Protein backbone atom coordinates (compact mmCIF):
# COMPACT_ATOMS: atom_id res chain seq x y z
CA MET A 1 -19.34 18.82 -15.95
CA ALA A 2 -19.68 19.48 -12.22
CA ARG A 3 -16.60 19.18 -10.01
CA ILE A 4 -16.12 18.86 -6.26
CA ILE A 5 -13.66 21.58 -5.32
CA GLY A 6 -13.37 20.83 -1.63
CA GLY A 7 -15.00 19.93 1.64
CA LEU A 8 -16.12 22.07 4.54
CA GLY A 9 -16.81 21.07 8.10
CA ALA A 10 -18.73 23.18 10.58
CA SER A 11 -20.60 22.81 13.82
CA HIS A 12 -24.27 23.65 13.61
CA SER A 13 -25.01 24.59 17.22
CA PRO A 14 -27.83 27.14 17.66
CA THR A 15 -25.12 29.16 19.43
CA ILE A 16 -23.84 30.15 15.99
CA GLY A 17 -27.08 31.58 14.60
CA PHE A 18 -27.84 33.23 17.95
CA ALA A 19 -24.46 34.96 17.91
CA LYS A 20 -25.04 36.35 14.43
CA ASP A 21 -28.64 37.41 15.05
CA THR A 22 -27.71 39.26 18.25
CA GLY A 23 -24.70 41.04 16.73
CA LYS A 24 -21.92 39.56 18.84
CA GLN A 25 -19.20 39.76 16.18
CA ASP A 26 -16.96 41.97 18.32
CA ASP A 27 -17.65 40.42 21.71
CA PRO A 28 -14.40 38.70 22.83
CA ALA A 29 -16.31 35.68 24.15
CA TRP A 30 -18.02 35.11 20.81
CA LYS A 31 -15.48 36.44 18.31
CA PRO A 32 -13.63 33.12 17.76
CA ILE A 33 -16.84 31.67 16.29
CA PHE A 34 -16.96 34.46 13.71
CA ASP A 35 -13.23 34.20 13.01
CA GLY A 36 -13.59 30.55 12.02
CA PHE A 37 -16.58 31.13 9.79
CA ASP A 38 -14.87 34.14 8.18
CA VAL A 39 -12.32 31.72 6.75
CA LEU A 40 -15.05 29.45 5.39
CA ARG A 41 -16.89 32.38 3.84
CA ASP A 42 -13.75 33.77 2.23
CA TRP A 43 -12.81 30.36 0.82
CA VAL A 44 -16.28 29.78 -0.65
CA HIS A 45 -16.19 33.18 -2.34
CA ALA A 46 -12.59 32.86 -3.55
CA GLN A 47 -13.29 29.42 -5.01
CA ARG A 48 -16.46 30.69 -6.71
CA ILE A 49 -18.52 27.83 -5.30
CA ASP A 50 -21.83 27.52 -7.13
CA VAL A 51 -23.49 24.80 -5.04
CA ILE A 52 -22.92 23.46 -1.54
CA PHE A 53 -24.10 19.94 -0.80
CA MET A 54 -25.06 20.34 2.87
CA VAL A 55 -25.10 17.37 5.23
CA TYR A 56 -27.03 18.15 8.41
CA ASN A 57 -29.51 16.75 10.85
CA ASP A 58 -32.85 18.23 11.76
CA HIS A 59 -33.57 18.58 15.48
CA VAL A 60 -37.09 17.12 15.57
CA THR A 61 -38.42 20.26 13.87
CA SER A 62 -39.49 19.30 10.35
CA PHE A 63 -38.85 15.57 10.82
CA PHE A 64 -40.58 13.90 13.76
CA PHE A 65 -40.48 10.36 15.10
CA ASP A 66 -43.79 9.38 13.49
CA HIS A 67 -41.84 8.99 10.22
CA TYR A 68 -38.10 9.11 10.73
CA SER A 69 -35.75 8.25 7.88
CA ALA A 70 -32.02 7.60 7.83
CA PHE A 71 -31.32 9.79 4.79
CA VAL A 72 -33.67 12.45 3.38
CA LEU A 73 -32.55 14.43 0.33
CA GLY A 74 -33.99 17.86 -0.39
CA ILE A 75 -35.31 18.26 -3.94
CA ASP A 76 -36.73 21.77 -3.66
CA ASP A 77 -35.76 25.19 -5.03
CA GLN A 78 -36.19 27.00 -1.71
CA TYR A 79 -35.71 26.18 1.97
CA ALA A 80 -37.20 28.64 4.43
CA ALA A 81 -36.26 28.99 8.08
CA ALA A 82 -38.21 26.73 10.42
CA ASP A 83 -39.96 27.82 13.58
CA GLU A 84 -38.23 25.89 16.36
CA GLY A 85 -40.54 27.11 19.08
CA GLY A 86 -39.86 30.82 19.46
CA GLY A 87 -40.45 31.96 15.89
CA PRO A 88 -38.23 31.47 12.82
CA ARG A 89 -34.94 33.28 12.36
CA GLU A 90 -35.10 36.35 10.16
CA VAL A 91 -32.90 34.99 7.40
CA ALA A 92 -33.52 34.69 3.69
CA PRO A 93 -34.56 31.27 2.40
CA ALA A 94 -31.75 29.11 1.07
CA ARG A 95 -31.91 28.55 -2.68
CA GLY A 96 -31.95 24.94 -3.87
CA HIS A 97 -30.44 23.61 -7.10
CA LEU A 98 -33.24 21.53 -8.59
CA GLY A 99 -31.31 19.91 -11.42
CA LEU A 100 -28.38 18.73 -9.34
CA SER A 101 -30.58 17.52 -6.48
CA GLN A 102 -32.75 15.45 -8.84
CA HIS A 103 -29.66 14.03 -10.53
CA ILE A 104 -28.08 13.07 -7.20
CA ALA A 105 -31.36 11.47 -6.13
CA THR A 106 -31.39 9.26 -9.23
CA ALA A 107 -27.74 8.31 -8.75
CA MET A 108 -28.19 7.44 -5.08
CA VAL A 109 -31.12 5.15 -5.76
CA ALA A 110 -29.27 3.53 -8.67
CA ASP A 111 -26.43 2.77 -6.24
CA GLU A 112 -28.90 1.25 -3.75
CA PHE A 113 -29.16 4.12 -1.30
CA ASP A 114 -32.94 4.09 -1.00
CA LEU A 115 -33.40 7.64 0.26
CA SER A 116 -36.46 9.58 1.26
CA PHE A 117 -36.99 12.96 -0.40
CA PHE A 118 -38.43 16.22 0.89
CA GLN A 119 -39.82 19.43 -0.49
CA GLY A 120 -42.03 22.12 0.97
CA LYS A 121 -40.42 21.70 4.40
CA PRO A 122 -38.52 24.39 6.33
CA VAL A 123 -35.02 23.78 7.69
CA ASP A 124 -33.79 24.39 11.22
CA HIS A 125 -30.50 25.45 12.81
CA GLY A 126 -28.82 22.23 11.71
CA LEU A 127 -28.59 23.74 8.24
CA LEU A 128 -29.13 27.45 8.75
CA SER A 129 -26.68 28.12 11.59
CA PRO A 130 -23.62 27.39 9.43
CA LEU A 131 -25.11 28.47 6.10
CA SER A 132 -26.14 31.89 7.37
CA MET A 133 -22.53 32.56 8.36
CA LEU A 134 -21.43 32.34 4.70
CA GLY A 135 -23.20 35.58 3.83
CA ASP A 136 -22.02 39.03 4.78
CA ALA A 137 -23.62 41.35 7.31
CA SER A 138 -26.52 42.30 5.03
CA ASP A 139 -26.94 39.60 2.39
CA PRO A 140 -27.06 35.80 2.31
CA TRP A 141 -24.57 33.70 0.42
CA PRO A 142 -25.65 33.97 -3.24
CA GLY A 143 -25.14 30.33 -4.24
CA GLN A 144 -27.43 27.31 -4.13
CA ILE A 145 -27.59 24.23 -1.96
CA VAL A 146 -28.58 20.57 -2.05
CA PRO A 147 -29.44 19.47 1.52
CA LEU A 148 -29.18 15.96 2.93
CA GLN A 149 -30.89 15.45 6.28
CA VAL A 150 -29.47 12.51 8.22
CA GLY A 151 -31.51 10.84 10.94
CA VAL A 152 -29.08 10.58 13.85
CA LEU A 153 -31.41 11.26 16.78
CA GLN A 154 -33.37 8.00 17.00
CA LEU A 155 -31.48 4.74 17.16
CA PRO A 156 -30.50 2.76 15.21
CA VAL A 157 -28.66 5.24 12.98
CA PRO A 158 -26.48 4.70 9.89
CA SER A 159 -22.98 3.45 10.64
CA ALA A 160 -19.84 5.45 9.98
CA ARG A 161 -19.10 3.10 7.07
CA ARG A 162 -22.52 3.75 5.54
CA MET A 163 -21.86 7.49 5.73
CA TRP A 164 -18.50 7.00 4.00
CA LYS A 165 -20.02 4.91 1.21
CA LEU A 166 -22.73 7.49 0.63
CA GLY A 167 -20.02 10.11 0.19
CA GLN A 168 -18.31 7.96 -2.43
CA THR A 169 -21.54 7.65 -4.39
CA LEU A 170 -22.07 11.40 -4.01
CA ARG A 171 -18.75 12.06 -5.72
CA ARG A 172 -19.71 9.93 -8.73
CA ALA A 173 -23.11 11.58 -8.87
CA VAL A 174 -21.74 15.13 -8.83
CA GLU A 175 -19.03 14.41 -11.39
CA SER A 176 -21.60 12.89 -13.78
CA TYR A 177 -23.83 15.98 -13.74
CA PRO A 178 -23.39 17.66 -17.15
CA GLU A 179 -23.63 21.31 -16.08
CA ASP A 180 -20.36 23.10 -15.26
CA LEU A 181 -20.66 23.68 -11.52
CA ARG A 182 -18.13 24.20 -8.78
CA VAL A 183 -19.38 22.19 -5.82
CA ALA A 184 -18.34 22.00 -2.19
CA VAL A 185 -19.55 19.36 0.27
CA MET A 186 -20.28 20.78 3.71
CA ALA A 187 -20.63 18.48 6.72
CA THR A 188 -22.25 19.96 9.80
CA GLY A 189 -22.69 18.91 13.42
CA GLY A 190 -20.52 18.31 16.45
CA LEU A 191 -17.90 18.31 17.63
CA SER A 192 -18.05 16.71 21.09
CA HIS A 193 -21.12 17.46 23.18
CA GLN A 194 -23.96 15.87 25.07
CA VAL A 195 -27.19 17.71 25.79
CA HIS A 196 -29.25 15.17 27.71
CA GLY A 197 -29.05 13.24 30.96
CA GLU A 198 -26.58 13.51 33.81
CA ARG A 199 -23.76 13.60 31.23
CA ALA A 200 -25.12 16.87 29.77
CA GLY A 201 -22.29 19.35 29.20
CA PHE A 202 -19.71 16.65 28.40
CA LEU A 203 -16.82 17.81 26.19
CA ASN A 204 -13.66 16.03 25.02
CA GLU A 205 -11.32 18.40 23.22
CA ILE A 206 -8.56 15.78 23.02
CA TRP A 207 -10.86 13.48 21.04
CA ASP A 208 -12.02 16.39 18.87
CA ALA A 209 -8.43 17.15 17.86
CA GLU A 210 -7.79 13.47 17.16
CA PHE A 211 -10.98 13.19 15.11
CA LEU A 212 -10.06 16.13 12.87
CA ASP A 213 -6.55 14.78 12.37
CA LEU A 214 -7.85 11.32 11.44
CA LEU A 215 -10.44 12.83 9.12
CA GLU A 216 -7.64 14.43 7.14
CA LYS A 217 -4.99 11.70 7.23
CA SER A 218 -6.62 8.38 8.10
CA PRO A 219 -10.39 8.46 7.54
CA GLU A 220 -10.45 4.65 7.37
CA THR A 221 -9.84 4.59 11.12
CA LEU A 222 -13.01 6.60 11.64
CA VAL A 223 -14.94 4.46 9.16
CA ASN A 224 -14.20 1.37 11.25
CA MET A 225 -15.43 2.86 14.54
CA ARG A 226 -18.80 1.93 16.02
CA ILE A 227 -21.45 4.46 17.05
CA ALA A 228 -20.90 3.42 20.66
CA GLU A 229 -17.24 4.43 20.40
CA TYR A 230 -18.17 7.84 19.01
CA ALA A 231 -20.66 8.30 21.85
CA ALA A 232 -18.09 7.32 24.49
CA LYS A 233 -15.43 9.64 23.10
CA GLY A 234 -17.55 12.61 22.05
CA GLY A 235 -20.91 12.38 23.80
CA MET A 236 -24.12 10.78 22.58
CA GLU A 237 -25.13 13.80 20.53
CA GLY A 238 -21.49 14.32 19.52
CA ALA A 239 -21.69 11.00 17.67
CA GLU A 240 -23.33 13.00 14.87
CA VAL A 241 -19.80 13.74 13.62
CA THR A 242 -20.12 10.51 11.63
CA MET A 243 -21.90 12.80 9.12
CA TRP A 244 -18.52 14.37 8.40
CA LEU A 245 -17.52 11.08 6.78
CA ILE A 246 -20.02 11.77 4.00
CA MET A 247 -18.01 14.88 3.18
CA ARG A 248 -14.66 13.09 3.44
CA GLY A 249 -15.91 10.13 1.40
CA ALA A 250 -16.90 12.53 -1.38
CA LEU A 251 -13.35 13.86 -1.62
CA SER A 252 -10.40 12.17 -3.23
CA ARG A 253 -7.77 10.42 -1.15
CA ASP A 254 -5.49 13.44 -1.28
CA VAL A 255 -6.67 16.68 0.26
CA ARG A 256 -4.96 19.86 1.38
CA LEU A 257 -5.84 21.23 4.79
CA VAL A 258 -6.60 24.92 4.36
CA HIS A 259 -8.09 25.69 7.75
CA LYS A 260 -8.88 24.01 11.06
CA GLN A 261 -10.17 25.63 14.22
CA THR A 262 -12.05 24.60 17.35
CA TYR A 263 -13.51 26.69 20.14
CA ALA A 264 -15.24 25.23 23.20
CA PRO A 265 -16.81 28.11 25.11
CA SER A 266 -19.80 26.34 26.59
CA VAL A 267 -21.65 23.13 25.67
CA THR A 268 -20.35 22.28 22.18
CA ASN A 269 -16.83 22.35 20.79
CA ILE A 270 -17.49 24.57 17.77
CA ALA A 271 -15.34 23.71 14.76
CA THR A 272 -14.65 25.01 11.28
CA LEU A 273 -12.64 23.12 8.68
CA VAL A 274 -11.66 23.47 5.02
CA PHE A 275 -10.17 20.78 2.77
CA GLU A 276 -9.26 21.40 -0.85
CA ASP A 277 -9.64 18.39 -3.11
CA LEU A 278 -6.43 17.44 -4.92
CA GLY A 279 -7.93 14.74 -7.12
CA GLY A 280 -7.73 14.90 -10.89
CA ALA A 281 -10.50 15.29 -13.40
CA PRO A 282 -12.86 12.32 -13.76
CA ASP A 283 -12.39 9.98 -16.71
CA PRO A 284 -14.90 10.98 -19.46
CA ASP A 285 -15.61 7.37 -20.43
CA ALA A 286 -16.24 6.36 -16.83
CA THR A 287 -18.52 9.35 -16.36
CA ALA A 288 -20.52 8.47 -19.47
CA ALA A 289 -20.84 4.88 -18.28
CA TYR A 290 -22.06 6.06 -14.88
CA ARG A 291 -24.72 8.25 -16.50
CA ARG A 292 -25.97 5.22 -18.42
CA HIS A 293 -25.98 3.24 -15.18
CA ILE A 294 -28.13 5.70 -13.27
CA GLY A 295 -30.60 6.03 -16.14
CA ARG A 296 -30.90 2.33 -16.84
CA GLU A 297 -33.92 1.50 -14.65
CA LEU A 298 -36.24 4.06 -16.26
CA GLU A 299 -34.85 4.08 -19.78
CA GLY A 300 -37.76 3.89 -22.22
CA THR A 301 -40.58 4.65 -19.79
CA ASP A 302 -40.99 8.14 -21.23
CA ALA A 303 -41.83 6.57 -24.59
CA LEU A 304 -44.61 4.29 -23.30
CA PRO A 305 -47.89 5.50 -24.83
CA GLY A 306 -50.40 6.92 -22.36
CA THR A 307 -47.85 6.78 -19.53
CA TYR A 308 -46.63 9.72 -17.44
CA PRO A 309 -43.82 8.72 -15.03
CA PHE A 310 -44.13 10.65 -11.78
CA THR A 311 -40.62 12.05 -11.56
CA HIS A 312 -39.18 14.48 -9.04
CA ALA A 313 -39.40 17.21 -11.66
CA ARG A 314 -43.14 16.61 -12.20
CA SER A 315 -43.68 16.29 -8.46
CA HIS A 316 -41.95 19.58 -7.71
CA ALA A 317 -43.75 21.45 -10.47
CA ASN A 318 -47.13 20.33 -9.14
CA LEU A 319 -46.55 20.11 -5.40
CA ARG A 320 -49.15 22.76 -4.58
CA LEU A 321 -51.95 20.98 -6.45
CA ASN A 322 -50.95 17.52 -5.23
CA ALA A 323 -50.84 18.80 -1.64
CA PHE A 324 -54.27 20.41 -1.99
CA LEU A 325 -55.79 17.13 -3.16
CA HIS A 326 -53.84 15.01 -0.70
CA ASP A 327 -55.28 17.02 2.18
CA LEU A 328 -58.71 15.64 1.32
CA VAL A 329 -57.79 12.93 3.84
CA ILE A 330 -58.30 15.62 6.53
CA PRO A 331 -62.01 15.84 7.45
CA ALA A 332 -62.04 19.64 7.93
CA HIS A 333 -60.34 20.22 4.58
CA ARG A 334 -62.72 17.76 2.93
CA THR A 335 -65.76 19.58 4.33
CA ARG A 336 -64.52 22.95 3.12
CA PHE A 337 -63.72 21.45 -0.30
CA VAL A 338 -67.33 20.32 -0.66
CA ASP A 339 -68.97 23.41 0.83
CA ASP A 340 -66.74 26.23 -0.44
CA PHE A 341 -64.26 25.01 -3.04
CA GLU A 342 -63.51 28.43 -4.56
CA ALA A 343 -62.57 30.08 -1.28
CA LEU A 344 -60.50 27.12 -0.13
CA ALA A 345 -58.65 26.84 -3.44
CA THR A 346 -57.88 30.56 -3.41
CA GLU A 347 -56.69 30.36 0.18
CA ARG A 348 -54.33 27.53 -0.74
CA GLY A 349 -52.89 29.51 -3.66
CA LEU A 350 -54.22 27.46 -6.58
CA THR A 351 -54.01 29.23 -9.93
CA GLU A 352 -57.12 29.70 -12.07
CA ASP A 353 -55.91 26.89 -14.36
CA GLU A 354 -55.46 24.56 -11.39
CA LYS A 355 -58.90 25.43 -10.06
CA ALA A 356 -60.46 24.68 -13.43
CA LEU A 357 -58.77 21.29 -13.65
CA VAL A 358 -60.31 20.25 -10.33
CA ARG A 359 -63.64 22.00 -10.70
CA GLU A 360 -64.28 20.52 -14.16
CA ARG A 361 -62.94 17.05 -13.24
CA ARG A 362 -60.46 17.08 -16.09
CA TRP A 363 -58.90 13.80 -14.98
CA ILE A 364 -56.56 13.06 -17.87
CA GLU A 365 -55.33 16.65 -18.05
CA MET A 366 -54.41 16.52 -14.38
CA VAL A 367 -52.41 13.32 -14.91
CA ARG A 368 -50.65 14.76 -17.95
CA ARG A 369 -49.80 17.86 -15.94
CA GLY A 370 -48.20 15.86 -13.10
CA VAL A 371 -50.93 15.16 -10.57
CA SER A 372 -50.51 11.75 -8.95
CA PHE A 373 -53.30 9.25 -9.55
CA PHE A 374 -53.21 8.44 -5.84
CA VAL A 375 -54.46 11.89 -4.89
CA LEU A 376 -56.97 11.78 -7.73
CA GLU A 377 -58.57 8.64 -6.26
CA LYS A 378 -58.98 10.58 -3.01
CA LEU A 379 -60.73 13.34 -4.97
CA ALA A 380 -62.91 10.70 -6.61
CA ALA A 381 -63.83 9.22 -3.22
CA VAL A 382 -64.94 12.65 -1.98
CA LEU A 383 -67.03 13.15 -5.10
CA GLY A 384 -68.59 9.68 -4.92
CA VAL A 385 -66.91 8.63 -8.17
CA PRO A 386 -65.68 4.99 -8.30
CA ASN A 387 -62.12 4.33 -9.43
CA PRO A 388 -63.16 2.61 -12.70
CA ALA A 389 -64.99 5.79 -13.74
CA VAL A 390 -61.70 7.66 -13.44
CA TYR A 391 -59.90 5.00 -15.50
CA ALA A 392 -62.62 5.31 -18.12
CA ALA A 393 -62.19 9.09 -18.23
CA PHE A 394 -58.44 8.64 -18.75
CA ARG A 395 -59.19 6.46 -21.79
CA GLY A 396 -61.92 8.71 -23.20
CA GLU A 397 -64.60 6.09 -22.51
CA THR A 398 -67.84 5.90 -20.55
CA LEU A 399 -67.89 3.80 -17.41
CA ALA A 400 -69.98 1.19 -19.21
CA GLU A 401 -67.51 1.04 -22.07
CA PHE A 402 -64.59 0.59 -19.69
CA LEU A 403 -66.32 -2.09 -17.62
CA ALA A 404 -67.10 -4.00 -20.81
CA THR A 405 -63.33 -4.47 -21.28
CA ARG A 406 -62.93 -6.13 -17.84
CA LYS A 407 -63.43 -9.81 -17.00
CA VAL A 408 -65.75 -8.76 -14.16
CA PRO A 409 -67.50 -5.34 -14.26
CA LEU A 410 -66.58 -4.24 -10.73
CA THR A 411 -66.77 -0.74 -9.30
CA TYR A 412 -64.90 0.24 -6.14
CA SER A 413 -63.31 3.15 -4.29
CA VAL A 414 -60.93 4.04 -1.47
CA ALA A 415 -63.87 5.69 0.29
CA GLY A 416 -65.13 4.20 3.54
CA GLY A 417 -68.46 3.88 5.31
CA SER A 418 -71.59 5.11 3.56
CA LYS A 419 -69.57 6.52 0.66
CA ALA A 420 -68.29 3.04 -0.14
CA LYS A 421 -71.77 1.48 0.13
CA ALA A 422 -73.19 4.11 -2.22
CA MET A 423 -70.73 3.09 -4.95
CA ASP A 424 -71.26 -0.66 -4.57
CA ASN A 425 -73.03 -1.95 -7.69
CA ARG A 426 -72.91 -5.67 -6.84
């Protein structure tokens, strides 16, 4: 089974990625940054870490305020560099571990952490600044990641205690994953800094040292602090260090401090930290019970006849086709779909099989494959096909045959305007 070997802490300032990309390894002003990350890289390699669970926050790059979640778990197999305004960094995409991410997602929801999930989105410096430092001069770190994006930029944000509890659930989730994996939990962000308002440039190295000491020896003290206290001590943006409690909560009570360093050259006190976990192996009976617990809600749904649960695995495998059909809500995409389907489908990378499914309106085959019904009803609206006609096709019936099984033979659609009126039979 998977085991958590230790925890890492690292700042994620864009300073870090900038230093690497501009080759400042030997510049005395920048060298302490590289020295700290050298220790992290060496530890990750020496411990043969297979997967890093990365806790970070996006900086209004892939996640904007029109839909801003507290916790968003990545469930993808690849995470490319985001364009933050001046073009993306020239770094290899991070590789995601699909199986572990989907397992953790199920466990978190079972333990009442109702997360959001993301795939097909790039990641910004919050993740890539520290991760890119784990590779050598020419190659990226060869392992895989599971990213958790935490919404800490728009108030209210999760409390320190909520972060801690999420870490505790994360430990149970990882230890119940059946594959033998060596896992590290990496918390990013901070330390003290503020980047807005008249307080911009604020640093508090005394608090930073106290925070790191408490994180090791008395994390409960940090758990009991309010966001306002973190902001007062470490700056409003520096309050993101509450994310480090996810990492500490995922470790056992006893840890060994391997490395701790801070360096405050400019706006952010840049830190690197390594804890080794000294906890024992999980109890096999408890692990088996936890697996049953996280599978309880959906147990048996896969055996329901004519039913195809839309799982993360099915979603990931069919994201391209679902996205193509979802975009029918965009008028320009809808017009091109109607006027030049073949060119549009090719441009969007659909395979010949995927094109045939859509072109030939093979409704039930699309559902069996893993296309969501709720993008199919958008396709039906574009085509002028009422929803009951799609239900009939699923069942291998004509529309008349399906309507004969209803108390009232209604037809309807999600289409609006003239499209809706054209499908109104009553």
